[in-house]
Amino acid sequence: MRTTLAILIGYILDLLLGDPHFLYHPVRLIGKLITGTEKFLRRRTPDQPGRLKSAGLSLVIVVIAVTNLCVFLLIFFSYKVSRPFGFIVEVLLCYWLFAVRSLRDESMKVYDRLKVHDLDGARKAVSMIVGRDTENLSGEKTAKAAVETVAENASDGVLAPLFYMAIGGPIFGWFCKAVNTMDSMVGYKNDTYQYFGRYAARLDDIVNFIPARLCALLMILSCPLCQLDSKNAKRIFRRDRYNHASPNSAQTESVMAGALHVQLGGDASYFGKLVKKQTIGDPDRPAQAEDIRRANSLLFATSAIGTALMLIIRTLILIAI
């Protein structure tokens, strides 16, 4: 029950504090590990598809092994110092896994700029949370990009780590976070990472398969709490949940598109190249700044219901054991 309480406190701390800039987020350490390991492997790997895929697999193994070992040792030795100190460390490890408040804060920067008709500022703000090129986005496409990020990260940044924490505590949660971070850094289908990042991208698809679908269902259930259209969210989810190159991304994006009555997805530019993408939802009306605020309302409601559900499931598992 100690870890269950740590997860709950971690979630509450995230809602209250987000990611304070004065604290060094451990995900940055994972990012440095990925960057350093990639440089090491690339220096020793010929530019051949098979060899690059093998090097990418080595990256996945190293990053997951180092991350999980560090988290295990940190928890183990913290509890050796004292129970209260160990619990505090466990709470912090859970807290750093959530991204509800930070996702809301960063996406609302886009909302704030759009509300005062500062399109350049909105483009700059959205460039901090999306991987696509943003310098030529219209106001509508800028709002859509922010909404899509909130929808996708409702699973990747909130429900997925929560799901794995419910199963195996912070160690499983940080396994999920390591996989997600690798995918965000090397899981691109471009010339640089087409082969090297393949295993990282595939593993991310597998790890997020259940959380993405669970998150989509919880979003539909949460729509009435936010005065959004749950019936249309369910309809678009059934129709468009596979309208994406990723098997997971459109699960939550389709719910969001239906709930807001806007069309998401569509062609986008990445690293100067236009990428053809399917659309998600119906263009009942143009996306606007207010949709970012509505998307975040759905994010918060979904995270609250999801946290309650995962903690109940974890408690039942502990009782059964």
C-alpha atoms as a PDB file:
ATOM      1  CA  MET A   1       0.000   0.000   0.000  1.00  0.00           C
ATOM      2  CA  ARG A   2       3.015   2.275   0.470  1.00  0.00           C
ATOM      3  CA  THR A   3       3.649   2.507  -3.288  1.00  0.00           C
ATOM      4  CA  THR A   4      -0.057   3.071  -3.954  1.00  0.00           C
ATOM      5  CA  LEU A   5       0.029   6.078  -1.639  1.00  0.00           C
ATOM      6  CA  ALA A   6       3.237   7.305  -3.312  1.00  0.00           C
ATOM      7  CA  ILE A   7       1.520   7.206  -6.718  1.00  0.00           C
ATOM      8  CA  LEU A   8      -1.455   9.191  -5.392  1.00  0.00           C
ATOM      9  CA  ILE A   9       0.741  11.820  -3.731  1.00  0.00           C
ATOM     10  CA  GLY A  10       2.899  12.006  -6.874  1.00  0.00           C
ATOM     11  CA  TYR A  11      -0.193  12.705  -8.986  1.00  0.00           C
ATOM     12  CA  ILE A  12      -1.392  15.427  -6.608  1.00  0.00           C
ATOM     13  CA  LEU A  13       2.060  17.041  -6.555  1.00  0.00           C
ATOM     14  CA  ASP A  14       2.080  17.106 -10.350  1.00  0.00           C
ATOM     15  CA  LEU A  15      -1.293  18.879 -10.416  1.00  0.00           C
ATOM     16  CA  LEU A  16      -0.065  21.431  -7.882  1.00  0.00           C
ATOM     17  CA  LEU A  17       3.504  21.995  -9.040  1.00  0.00           C
ATOM     18  CA  GLY A  18       3.947  20.733 -12.590  1.00  0.00           C
ATOM     19  CA  ASP A  19       7.661  20.661 -13.453  1.00  0.00           C
ATOM     20  CA  PRO A  20       9.344  23.490 -11.515  1.00  0.00           C
ATOM     21  CA  HIS A  21      12.290  24.881 -13.478  1.00  0.00           C
ATOM     22  CA  PHE A  22      14.514  24.845 -10.398  1.00  0.00           C
ATOM     23  CA  LEU A  23      14.316  21.033 -10.259  1.00  0.00           C
ATOM     24  CA  TYR A  24      16.386  18.965 -12.683  1.00  0.00           C
ATOM     25  CA  HIS A  25      13.990  16.504 -14.294  1.00  0.00           C
ATOM     26  CA  PRO A  26      15.362  12.933 -14.487  1.00  0.00           C
ATOM     27  CA  VAL A  27      14.043  12.593 -18.050  1.00  0.00           C
ATOM     28  CA  ARG A  28      16.890  14.904 -19.055  1.00  0.00           C
ATOM     29  CA  LEU A  29      19.315  12.289 -17.741  1.00  0.00           C
ATOM     30  CA  ILE A  30      17.608   9.656 -19.872  1.00  0.00           C
ATOM     31  CA  GLY A  31      17.887  12.014 -22.828  1.00  0.00           C
ATOM     32  CA  LYS A  32      21.622  12.447 -22.229  1.00  0.00           C
ATOM     33  CA  LEU A  33      22.012   8.676 -21.914  1.00  0.00           C
ATOM     34  CA  ILE A  34      20.238   8.200 -25.247  1.00  0.00           C
ATOM     35  CA  THR A  35      22.319  10.878 -26.962  1.00  0.00           C
ATOM     36  CA  GLY A  36      25.607   9.584 -25.585  1.00  0.00           C
ATOM     37  CA  THR A  37      24.833   5.958 -26.373  1.00  0.00           C
ATOM     38  CA  GLU A  38      23.721   6.858 -29.892  1.00  0.00           C
ATOM     39  CA  LYS A  39      26.961   8.740 -30.585  1.00  0.00           C
ATOM     40  CA  PHE A  40      29.009   5.838 -29.230  1.00  0.00           C
ATOM     41  CA  LEU A  41      27.150   3.269 -31.360  1.00  0.00           C
ATOM     42  CA  ARG A  42      27.131   5.317 -34.553  1.00  0.00           C
ATOM     43  CA  ARG A  43      30.895   5.804 -34.437  1.00  0.00           C
ATOM     44  CA  ARG A  44      31.255   2.019 -34.516  1.00  0.00           C
ATOM     45  CA  THR A  45      28.443   1.117 -36.912  1.00  0.00           C
ATOM     46  CA  PRO A  46      28.692   1.032 -40.720  1.00  0.00           C
ATOM     47  CA  ASP A  47      25.966   2.905 -42.577  1.00  0.00           C
ATOM     48  CA  GLN A  48      24.107  -0.275 -43.532  1.00  0.00           C
ATOM     49  CA  PRO A  49      20.421  -1.013 -42.768  1.00  0.00           C
ATOM     50  CA  GLY A  50      21.041  -4.303 -40.943  1.00  0.00           C
ATOM     51  CA  ARG A  51      23.916  -2.951 -38.861  1.00  0.00           C
ATOM     52  CA  LEU A  52      21.993   0.218 -38.012  1.00  0.00           C
ATOM     53  CA  LYS A  53      18.998  -1.804 -36.818  1.00  0.00           C
ATOM     54  CA  SER A  54      21.292  -3.915 -34.620  1.00  0.00           C
ATOM     55  CA  ALA A  55      22.838  -0.760 -33.176  1.00  0.00           C
ATOM     56  CA  GLY A  56      19.362   0.598 -32.513  1.00  0.00           C
ATOM     57  CA  LEU A  57      18.481  -2.584 -30.649  1.00  0.00           C
ATOM     58  CA  SER A  58      21.630  -2.152 -28.550  1.00  0.00           C
ATOM     59  CA  LEU A  59      20.501   1.382 -27.727  1.00  0.00           C
ATOM     60  CA  VAL A  60      17.132   0.109 -26.508  1.00  0.00           C
ATOM     61  CA  ILE A  61      18.732  -2.552 -24.295  1.00  0.00           C
ATOM     62  CA  VAL A  62      21.296  -0.168 -22.777  1.00  0.00           C
ATOM     63  CA  VAL A  63      18.827   2.637 -22.041  1.00  0.00           C
ATOM     64  CA  ILE A  64      16.212   0.361 -20.463  1.00  0.00           C
ATOM     65  CA  ALA A  65      18.795  -1.584 -18.428  1.00  0.00           C
ATOM     66  CA  VAL A  66      20.556   1.522 -17.091  1.00  0.00           C
ATOM     67  CA  THR A  67      17.300   3.355 -16.324  1.00  0.00           C
ATOM     68  CA  ASN A  68      15.697   0.458 -14.487  1.00  0.00           C
ATOM     69  CA  LEU A  69      18.863  -0.399 -12.574  1.00  0.00           C
ATOM     70  CA  CYS A  70      19.295   3.196 -11.416  1.00  0.00           C
ATOM     71  CA  VAL A  71      15.682   3.464 -10.264  1.00  0.00           C
ATOM     72  CA  PHE A  72      15.890   0.131  -8.429  1.00  0.00           C
ATOM     73  CA  LEU A  73      19.132   1.034  -6.667  1.00  0.00           C
ATOM     74  CA  LEU A  74      17.857   4.490  -5.765  1.00  0.00           C
ATOM     75  CA  ILE A  75      14.740   3.067  -4.112  1.00  0.00           C
ATOM     76  CA  PHE A  76      16.625   0.198  -2.466  1.00  0.00           C
ATOM     77  CA  PHE A  77      19.322   2.328  -0.853  1.00  0.00           C
ATOM     78  CA  SER A  78      16.887   5.111   0.085  1.00  0.00           C
ATOM     79  CA  TYR A  79      14.869   2.679   2.174  1.00  0.00           C
ATOM     80  CA  LYS A  80      18.125   1.431   3.682  1.00  0.00           C
ATOM     81  CA  VAL A  81      18.684   4.953   5.009  1.00  0.00           C
ATOM     82  CA  SER A  82      15.217   5.099   6.571  1.00  0.00           C
ATOM     83  CA  ARG A  83      11.600   4.307   5.743  1.00  0.00           C
ATOM     84  CA  PRO A  84      10.516   7.977   5.640  1.00  0.00           C
ATOM     85  CA  PHE A  85      13.412   8.910   3.354  1.00  0.00           C
ATOM     86  CA  GLY A  86      12.717   5.951   1.075  1.00  0.00           C
ATOM     87  CA  PHE A  87       9.050   6.902   0.867  1.00  0.00           C
ATOM     88  CA  ILE A  88       9.917  10.497  -0.062  1.00  0.00           C
ATOM     89  CA  VAL A  89      12.189   9.256  -2.847  1.00  0.00           C
ATOM     90  CA  GLU A  90       9.470   6.927  -4.104  1.00  0.00           C
ATOM     91  CA  VAL A  91       6.959   9.794  -4.112  1.00  0.00           C
ATOM     92  CA  LEU A  92       9.367  11.949  -6.124  1.00  0.00           C
ATOM     93  CA  LEU A  93       9.966   9.163  -8.637  1.00  0.00           C
ATOM     94  CA  CYS A  94       6.190   8.829  -9.114  1.00  0.00           C
ATOM     95  CA  TYR A  95       5.707  12.602  -9.275  1.00  0.00           C
ATOM     96  CA  TRP A  96       8.292  12.975 -12.048  1.00  0.00           C
ATOM     97  CA  LEU A  97       6.456  10.394 -14.152  1.00  0.00           C
ATOM     98  CA  PHE A  98       3.303  12.501 -14.474  1.00  0.00           C
ATOM     99  CA  ALA A  99       3.006  15.291 -17.034  1.00  0.00           C
ATOM    100  CA  VAL A 100      -0.543  16.583 -16.582  1.00  0.00           C
ATOM    101  CA  ARG A 101       0.253  20.064 -15.290  1.00  0.00           C
ATOM    102  CA  SER A 102       3.272  20.640 -17.548  1.00  0.00           C
ATOM    103  CA  LEU A 103       1.310  19.537 -20.629  1.00  0.00           C
ATOM    104  CA  ARG A 104      -1.453  21.926 -19.673  1.00  0.00           C
ATOM    105  CA  ASP A 105       0.945  24.801 -18.971  1.00  0.00           C
ATOM    106  CA  GLU A 106       2.893  24.410 -22.224  1.00  0.00           C
ATOM    107  CA  SER A 107      -0.178  24.020 -24.440  1.00  0.00           C
ATOM    108  CA  MET A 108      -1.898  26.978 -22.777  1.00  0.00           C
ATOM    109  CA  LYS A 109       1.054  29.163 -23.783  1.00  0.00           C
ATOM    110  CA  VAL A 110      -0.145  28.560 -27.340  1.00  0.00           C
ATOM    111  CA  TYR A 111      -3.686  29.473 -26.266  1.00  0.00           C
ATOM    112  CA  ASP A 112      -2.516  32.706 -24.627  1.00  0.00           C
ATOM    113  CA  ARG A 113      -0.622  33.823 -27.751  1.00  0.00           C
ATOM    114  CA  LEU A 114      -3.517  32.989 -30.078  1.00  0.00           C
ATOM    115  CA  LYS A 115      -5.986  34.891 -27.896  1.00  0.00           C
ATOM    116  CA  VAL A 116      -4.000  38.107 -28.375  1.00  0.00           C
ATOM    117  CA  HIS A 117      -3.502  37.371 -32.111  1.00  0.00           C
ATOM    118  CA  ASP A 118       0.243  36.826 -31.723  1.00  0.00           C
ATOM    119  CA  LEU A 119       0.642  34.125 -34.372  1.00  0.00           C
ATOM    120  CA  ASP A 120       4.451  34.190 -34.343  1.00  0.00           C
ATOM    121  CA  GLY A 121       4.417  33.741 -30.572  1.00  0.00           C
ATOM    122  CA  ALA A 122       1.885  30.914 -30.867  1.00  0.00           C
ATOM    123  CA  ARG A 123       4.024  29.176 -33.487  1.00  0.00           C
ATOM    124  CA  LYS A 124       7.064  29.458 -31.249  1.00  0.00           C
ATOM    125  CA  ALA A 125       5.123  28.127 -28.257  1.00  0.00           C
ATOM    126  CA  VAL A 126       3.731  25.148 -30.163  1.00  0.00           C
ATOM    127  CA  SER A 127       7.190  24.350 -31.582  1.00  0.00           C
ATOM    128  CA  MET A 128       8.235  23.494 -28.024  1.00  0.00           C
ATOM    129  CA  ILE A 129       5.697  20.659 -27.749  1.00  0.00           C
ATOM    130  CA  VAL A 130       5.428  19.207 -31.284  1.00  0.00           C
ATOM    131  CA  GLY A 131       7.905  17.598 -33.661  1.00  0.00           C
ATOM    132  CA  ARG A 132       6.591  19.104 -36.903  1.00  0.00           C
ATOM    133  CA  ASP A 133       7.759  22.292 -38.601  1.00  0.00           C
ATOM    134  CA  THR A 134       5.743  25.232 -37.252  1.00  0.00           C
ATOM    135  CA  GLU A 135       7.096  28.379 -38.915  1.00  0.00           C
ATOM    136  CA  ASN A 136       4.379  28.451 -41.617  1.00  0.00           C
ATOM    137  CA  LEU A 137       1.381  27.206 -39.629  1.00  0.00           C
ATOM    138  CA  SER A 138      -1.850  29.194 -39.780  1.00  0.00           C
ATOM    139  CA  GLY A 139      -3.694  30.085 -36.591  1.00  0.00           C
ATOM    140  CA  GLU A 140      -6.075  27.162 -37.078  1.00  0.00           C
ATOM    141  CA  LYS A 141      -3.276  24.671 -37.713  1.00  0.00           C
ATOM    142  CA  THR A 142      -1.371  25.985 -34.703  1.00  0.00           C
ATOM    143  CA  ALA A 143      -4.411  25.379 -32.488  1.00  0.00           C
ATOM    144  CA  LYS A 144      -4.856  21.921 -34.040  1.00  0.00           C
ATOM    145  CA  ALA A 145      -1.224  21.025 -33.373  1.00  0.00           C
ATOM    146  CA  ALA A 146      -1.604  21.946 -29.691  1.00  0.00           C
ATOM    147  CA  VAL A 147      -4.856  19.983 -29.381  1.00  0.00           C
ATOM    148  CA  GLU A 148      -3.287  16.921 -31.037  1.00  0.00           C
ATOM    149  CA  THR A 149      -0.358  17.073 -28.610  1.00  0.00           C
ATOM    150  CA  VAL A 150      -2.669  17.213 -25.603  1.00  0.00           C
ATOM    151  CA  ALA A 151      -4.668  14.267 -26.958  1.00  0.00           C
ATOM    152  CA  GLU A 152      -1.645  12.100 -27.749  1.00  0.00           C
ATOM    153  CA  ASN A 153       0.183  12.873 -24.512  1.00  0.00           C
ATOM    154  CA  ALA A 154      -2.897  12.164 -22.433  1.00  0.00           C
ATOM    155  CA  SER A 155      -1.850   8.577 -23.082  1.00  0.00           C
ATOM    156  CA  ASP A 156       1.936   8.794 -23.525  1.00  0.00           C
ATOM    157  CA  GLY A 157       2.604  11.275 -20.724  1.00  0.00           C
ATOM    158  CA  VAL A 158      -0.126  10.419 -18.235  1.00  0.00           C
ATOM    159  CA  LEU A 159      -2.086   7.192 -18.594  1.00  0.00           C
ATOM    160  CA  ALA A 160       0.774   4.999 -19.848  1.00  0.00           C
ATOM    161  CA  PRO A 161       3.200   5.657 -16.946  1.00  0.00           C
ATOM    162  CA  LEU A 162       0.249   5.476 -14.556  1.00  0.00           C
ATOM    163  CA  PHE A 163      -0.769   2.102 -15.997  1.00  0.00           C
ATOM    164  CA  TYR A 164       2.720   0.679 -15.541  1.00  0.00           C
ATOM    165  CA  MET A 165       3.105   2.168 -12.057  1.00  0.00           C
ATOM    166  CA  ALA A 166      -0.118   0.415 -11.091  1.00  0.00           C
ATOM    167  CA  ILE A 167       1.407  -2.881 -12.246  1.00  0.00           C
ATOM    168  CA  GLY A 168       4.959  -2.553 -10.927  1.00  0.00           C
ATOM    169  CA  GLY A 169       5.462   0.745  -9.120  1.00  0.00           C
ATOM    170  CA  PRO A 170       8.032   3.387 -10.131  1.00  0.00           C
ATOM    171  CA  ILE A 171      10.402   0.833 -11.698  1.00  0.00           C
ATOM    172  CA  PHE A 172       7.807  -0.185 -14.297  1.00  0.00           C
ATOM    173  CA  GLY A 173       6.764   3.452 -14.664  1.00  0.00           C
ATOM    174  CA  TRP A 174      10.318   4.533 -15.505  1.00  0.00           C
ATOM    175  CA  PHE A 175      10.638   1.622 -17.936  1.00  0.00           C
ATOM    176  CA  CYS A 176       7.665   3.120 -19.783  1.00  0.00           C
ATOM    177  CA  LYS A 177       9.143   6.627 -19.592  1.00  0.00           C
ATOM    178  CA  ALA A 178      12.491   5.426 -20.973  1.00  0.00           C
ATOM    179  CA  VAL A 179      10.763   3.766 -23.929  1.00  0.00           C
ATOM    180  CA  ASN A 180       8.662   6.845 -24.604  1.00  0.00           C
ATOM    181  CA  THR A 181      11.710   9.131 -24.423  1.00  0.00           C
ATOM    182  CA  MET A 182      13.640   6.951 -26.869  1.00  0.00           C
ATOM    183  CA  ASP A 183      10.739   7.036 -29.312  1.00  0.00           C
ATOM    184  CA  SER A 184      10.517  10.827 -29.091  1.00  0.00           C
ATOM    185  CA  MET A 185      14.247  11.154 -29.818  1.00  0.00           C
ATOM    186  CA  VAL A 186      15.033   8.433 -32.355  1.00  0.00           C
ATOM    187  CA  GLY A 187      11.694   6.970 -33.437  1.00  0.00           C
ATOM    188  CA  TYR A 188      11.427   8.970 -36.661  1.00  0.00           C
ATOM    189  CA  LYS A 189      10.909   7.574 -40.168  1.00  0.00           C
ATOM    190  CA  ASN A 190      13.452   9.849 -41.797  1.00  0.00           C
ATOM    191  CA  ASP A 191      16.855   9.265 -43.387  1.00  0.00           C
ATOM    192  CA  THR A 192      18.646   9.526 -40.044  1.00  0.00           C
ATOM    193  CA  TYR A 193      16.508   7.169 -37.975  1.00  0.00           C
ATOM    194  CA  GLN A 194      14.675   4.976 -40.479  1.00  0.00           C
ATOM    195  CA  TYR A 195      16.743   1.960 -39.403  1.00  0.00           C
ATOM    196  CA  PHE A 196      18.505   3.047 -36.221  1.00  0.00           C
ATOM    197  CA  GLY A 197      15.257   4.042 -34.481  1.00  0.00           C
ATOM    198  CA  ARG A 198      13.108   1.162 -35.679  1.00  0.00           C
ATOM    199  CA  TYR A 199      13.267  -0.980 -32.523  1.00  0.00           C
ATOM    200  CA  ALA A 200      12.659   2.021 -30.262  1.00  0.00           C
ATOM    201  CA  ALA A 201       9.564   2.960 -32.272  1.00  0.00           C
ATOM    202  CA  ARG A 202       8.226  -0.612 -32.369  1.00  0.00           C
ATOM    203  CA  LEU A 203       8.740  -1.088 -28.637  1.00  0.00           C
ATOM    204  CA  ASP A 204       6.931   2.180 -27.952  1.00  0.00           C
ATOM    205  CA  ASP A 205       3.988   0.920 -30.022  1.00  0.00           C
ATOM    206  CA  ILE A 206       3.871  -2.270 -27.961  1.00  0.00           C
ATOM    207  CA  VAL A 207       4.278  -0.590 -24.566  1.00  0.00           C
ATOM    208  CA  ASN A 208       1.560   1.966 -25.305  1.00  0.00           C
ATOM    209  CA  PHE A 209      -0.885  -0.411 -27.006  1.00  0.00           C
ATOM    210  CA  ILE A 210      -3.119  -1.043 -23.977  1.00  0.00           C
ATOM    211  CA  PRO A 211      -2.733   2.396 -22.308  1.00  0.00           C
ATOM    212  CA  ALA A 212      -3.707   4.237 -25.521  1.00  0.00           C
ATOM    213  CA  ARG A 213      -6.956   2.304 -25.862  1.00  0.00           C
ATOM    214  CA  LEU A 214      -7.732   2.531 -22.166  1.00  0.00           C
ATOM    215  CA  CYS A 215      -7.069   6.267 -22.251  1.00  0.00           C
ATOM    216  CA  ALA A 216      -9.394   6.702 -25.234  1.00  0.00           C
ATOM    217  CA  LEU A 217     -12.215   4.929 -23.389  1.00  0.00           C
ATOM    218  CA  LEU A 218     -11.637   7.005 -20.257  1.00  0.00           C
ATOM    219  CA  MET A 219     -11.694  10.176 -22.365  1.00  0.00           C
ATOM    220  CA  ILE A 220     -15.086   9.215 -23.760  1.00  0.00           C
ATOM    221  CA  LEU A 221     -16.375   8.609 -20.221  1.00  0.00           C
ATOM    222  CA  SER A 222     -14.946  11.964 -19.130  1.00  0.00           C
ATOM    223  CA  CYS A 223     -16.614  14.023 -21.877  1.00  0.00           C
ATOM    224  CA  PRO A 224     -19.857  14.729 -19.950  1.00  0.00           C
ATOM    225  CA  LEU A 225     -17.807  16.129 -17.046  1.00  0.00           C
ATOM    226  CA  CYS A 226     -16.364  18.720 -19.450  1.00  0.00           C
ATOM    227  CA  GLN A 227     -19.628  19.381 -21.302  1.00  0.00           C
ATOM    228  CA  LEU A 228     -18.206  17.802 -24.438  1.00  0.00           C
ATOM    229  CA  ASP A 229     -19.959  15.497 -26.924  1.00  0.00           C
ATOM    230  CA  SER A 230     -19.300  11.945 -25.747  1.00  0.00           C
ATOM    231  CA  LYS A 231     -21.640  10.461 -28.367  1.00  0.00           C
ATOM    232  CA  ASN A 232     -19.731  12.032 -31.248  1.00  0.00           C
ATOM    233  CA  ALA A 233     -16.418  11.222 -29.543  1.00  0.00           C
ATOM    234  CA  LYS A 234     -17.420   7.565 -29.489  1.00  0.00           C
ATOM    235  CA  ARG A 235     -18.547   7.683 -33.136  1.00  0.00           C
ATOM    236  CA  ILE A 236     -15.331   9.232 -34.419  1.00  0.00           C
ATOM    237  CA  PHE A 237     -13.274   6.896 -32.221  1.00  0.00           C
ATOM    238  CA  ARG A 238     -14.886   3.853 -33.812  1.00  0.00           C
ATOM    239  CA  ARG A 239     -14.425   5.243 -37.311  1.00  0.00           C
ATOM    240  CA  ASP A 240     -11.011   6.957 -37.234  1.00  0.00           C
ATOM    241  CA  ARG A 241      -8.996   5.347 -34.443  1.00  0.00           C
ATOM    242  CA  TYR A 242      -6.600   3.781 -36.957  1.00  0.00           C
ATOM    243  CA  ASN A 243      -6.177   6.847 -39.201  1.00  0.00           C
ATOM    244  CA  HIS A 244      -2.518   7.263 -38.271  1.00  0.00           C
ATOM    245  CA  ALA A 245       0.812   5.662 -39.084  1.00  0.00           C
ATOM    246  CA  SER A 246       1.107   4.814 -35.387  1.00  0.00           C
ATOM    247  CA  PRO A 247      -1.311   2.143 -34.102  1.00  0.00           C
ATOM    248  CA  ASN A 248      -1.796   4.195 -30.930  1.00  0.00           C
ATOM    249  CA  SER A 249      -1.788   7.931 -31.652  1.00  0.00           C
ATOM    250  CA  ALA A 250      -5.191   8.126 -33.342  1.00  0.00           C
ATOM    251  CA  GLN A 251      -6.878   6.281 -30.469  1.00  0.00           C
ATOM    252  CA  THR A 252      -6.970   9.391 -28.285  1.00  0.00           C
ATOM    253  CA  GLU A 253      -6.829  11.929 -31.129  1.00  0.00           C
ATOM    254  CA  SER A 254     -10.031  10.482 -32.623  1.00  0.00           C
ATOM    255  CA  VAL A 255     -11.842  10.861 -29.304  1.00  0.00           C
ATOM    256  CA  MET A 256     -10.624  14.442 -28.986  1.00  0.00           C
ATOM    257  CA  ALA A 257     -11.633  15.288 -32.553  1.00  0.00           C
ATOM    258  CA  GLY A 258     -15.111  13.891 -32.007  1.00  0.00           C
ATOM    259  CA  ALA A 259     -15.565  15.542 -28.626  1.00  0.00           C
ATOM    260  CA  LEU A 260     -14.597  18.959 -30.020  1.00  0.00           C
ATOM    261  CA  HIS A 261     -16.252  18.544 -33.458  1.00  0.00           C
ATOM    262  CA  VAL A 262     -13.020  19.475 -35.273  1.00  0.00           C
ATOM    263  CA  GLN A 263     -10.801  17.681 -37.760  1.00  0.00           C
ATOM    264  CA  LEU A 264      -7.297  16.762 -36.623  1.00  0.00           C
ATOM    265  CA  GLY A 265      -4.424  15.093 -38.457  1.00  0.00           C
ATOM    266  CA  GLY A 266      -3.774  15.798 -42.123  1.00  0.00           C
ATOM    267  CA  ASP A 267      -0.554  16.546 -43.955  1.00  0.00           C
ATOM    268  CA  ALA A 268       2.310  18.089 -41.973  1.00  0.00           C
ATOM    269  CA  SER A 269       5.908  19.123 -42.599  1.00  0.00           C
ATOM    270  CA  TYR A 270       8.760  17.434 -40.706  1.00  0.00           C
ATOM    271  CA  PHE A 271      12.378  18.559 -41.139  1.00  0.00           C
ATOM    272  CA  GLY A 272      11.403  20.412 -44.313  1.00  0.00           C
ATOM    273  CA  LYS A 273       9.619  17.446 -45.919  1.00  0.00           C
ATOM    274  CA  LEU A 274       5.858  17.197 -46.398  1.00  0.00           C
ATOM    275  CA  VAL A 275       4.419  14.039 -44.866  1.00  0.00           C
ATOM    276  CA  LYS A 276       1.037  12.806 -46.084  1.00  0.00           C
ATOM    277  CA  LYS A 277      -1.239  11.912 -43.158  1.00  0.00           C
ATOM    278  CA  GLN A 278      -4.847  10.858 -42.895  1.00  0.00           C
ATOM    279  CA  THR A 279      -7.371  13.175 -41.310  1.00  0.00           C
ATOM    280  CA  ILE A 280      -9.134  12.365 -38.048  1.00  0.00           C
ATOM    281  CA  GLY A 281     -12.648  13.598 -37.339  1.00  0.00           C
ATOM    282  CA  ASP A 282     -15.051  15.758 -39.337  1.00  0.00           C
ATOM    283  CA  PRO A 283     -14.455  19.434 -40.230  1.00  0.00           C
ATOM    284  CA  ASP A 284     -17.671  20.579 -38.548  1.00  0.00           C
ATOM    285  CA  ARG A 285     -15.944  23.876 -37.757  1.00  0.00           C
ATOM    286  CA  PRO A 286     -12.404  25.323 -37.782  1.00  0.00           C
ATOM    287  CA  ALA A 287     -10.198  24.602 -34.779  1.00  0.00           C
ATOM    288  CA  GLN A 288      -9.667  27.644 -32.565  1.00  0.00           C
ATOM    289  CA  ALA A 289      -7.782  28.720 -29.452  1.00  0.00           C
ATOM    290  CA  GLU A 290     -10.662  27.743 -27.148  1.00  0.00           C
ATOM    291  CA  ASP A 291     -10.267  24.146 -28.269  1.00  0.00           C
ATOM    292  CA  ILE A 292      -6.894  24.037 -26.494  1.00  0.00           C
ATOM    293  CA  ARG A 293      -8.592  24.990 -23.241  1.00  0.00           C
ATOM    294  CA  ARG A 294     -11.342  22.412 -23.821  1.00  0.00           C
ATOM    295  CA  ALA A 295      -8.743  19.753 -24.623  1.00  0.00           C
ATOM    296  CA  ASN A 296      -6.991  20.427 -21.335  1.00  0.00           C
ATOM    297  CA  SER A 297     -10.260  20.165 -19.431  1.00  0.00           C
ATOM    298  CA  LEU A 298     -10.716  16.704 -20.914  1.00  0.00           C
ATOM    299  CA  LEU A 299      -7.087  15.874 -20.082  1.00  0.00           C
ATOM    300  CA  PHE A 300      -7.558  16.755 -16.401  1.00  0.00           C
ATOM    301  CA  ALA A 301     -10.848  14.866 -16.095  1.00  0.00           C
ATOM    302  CA  THR A 302      -9.371  11.797 -17.790  1.00  0.00           C
ATOM    303  CA  SER A 303      -6.264  11.865 -15.596  1.00  0.00           C
ATOM    304  CA  ALA A 304      -8.375  12.051 -12.424  1.00  0.00           C
ATOM    305  CA  ILE A 305     -10.622   9.140 -13.417  1.00  0.00           C
ATOM    306  CA  GLY A 306      -7.633   7.186 -14.705  1.00  0.00           C
ATOM    307  CA  THR A 307      -5.673   7.674 -11.490  1.00  0.00           C
ATOM    308  CA  ALA A 308      -8.624   6.566  -9.363  1.00  0.00           C
ATOM    309  CA  LEU A 309      -9.172   3.493 -11.559  1.00  0.00           C
ATOM    310  CA  MET A 310      -5.497   2.475 -11.616  1.00  0.00           C
ATOM    311  CA  LEU A 311      -5.155   2.838  -7.846  1.00  0.00           C
ATOM    312  CA  ILE A 312      -8.266   0.717  -7.305  1.00  0.00           C
ATOM    313  CA  ILE A 313      -6.888  -1.944  -9.651  1.00  0.00           C
ATOM    314  CA  ARG A 314      -3.508  -1.881  -7.918  1.00  0.00           C
ATOM    315  CA  THR A 315      -5.188  -2.226  -4.507  1.00  0.00           C
ATOM    316  CA  LEU A 316      -7.243  -5.197  -5.720  1.00  0.00           C
ATOM    317  CA  ILE A 317      -4.099  -6.840  -7.132  1.00  0.00           C
ATOM    318  CA  LEU A 318      -2.300  -6.395  -3.781  1.00  0.00           C
ATOM    319  CA  ILE A 319      -5.272  -7.823  -1.886  1.00  0.00           C
ATOM    320  CA  ALA A 320      -5.415 -10.825  -4.221  1.00  0.00           C
ATOM    321  CA  ILE A 321      -1.708 -11.463  -3.777  1.00  0.00           C
END
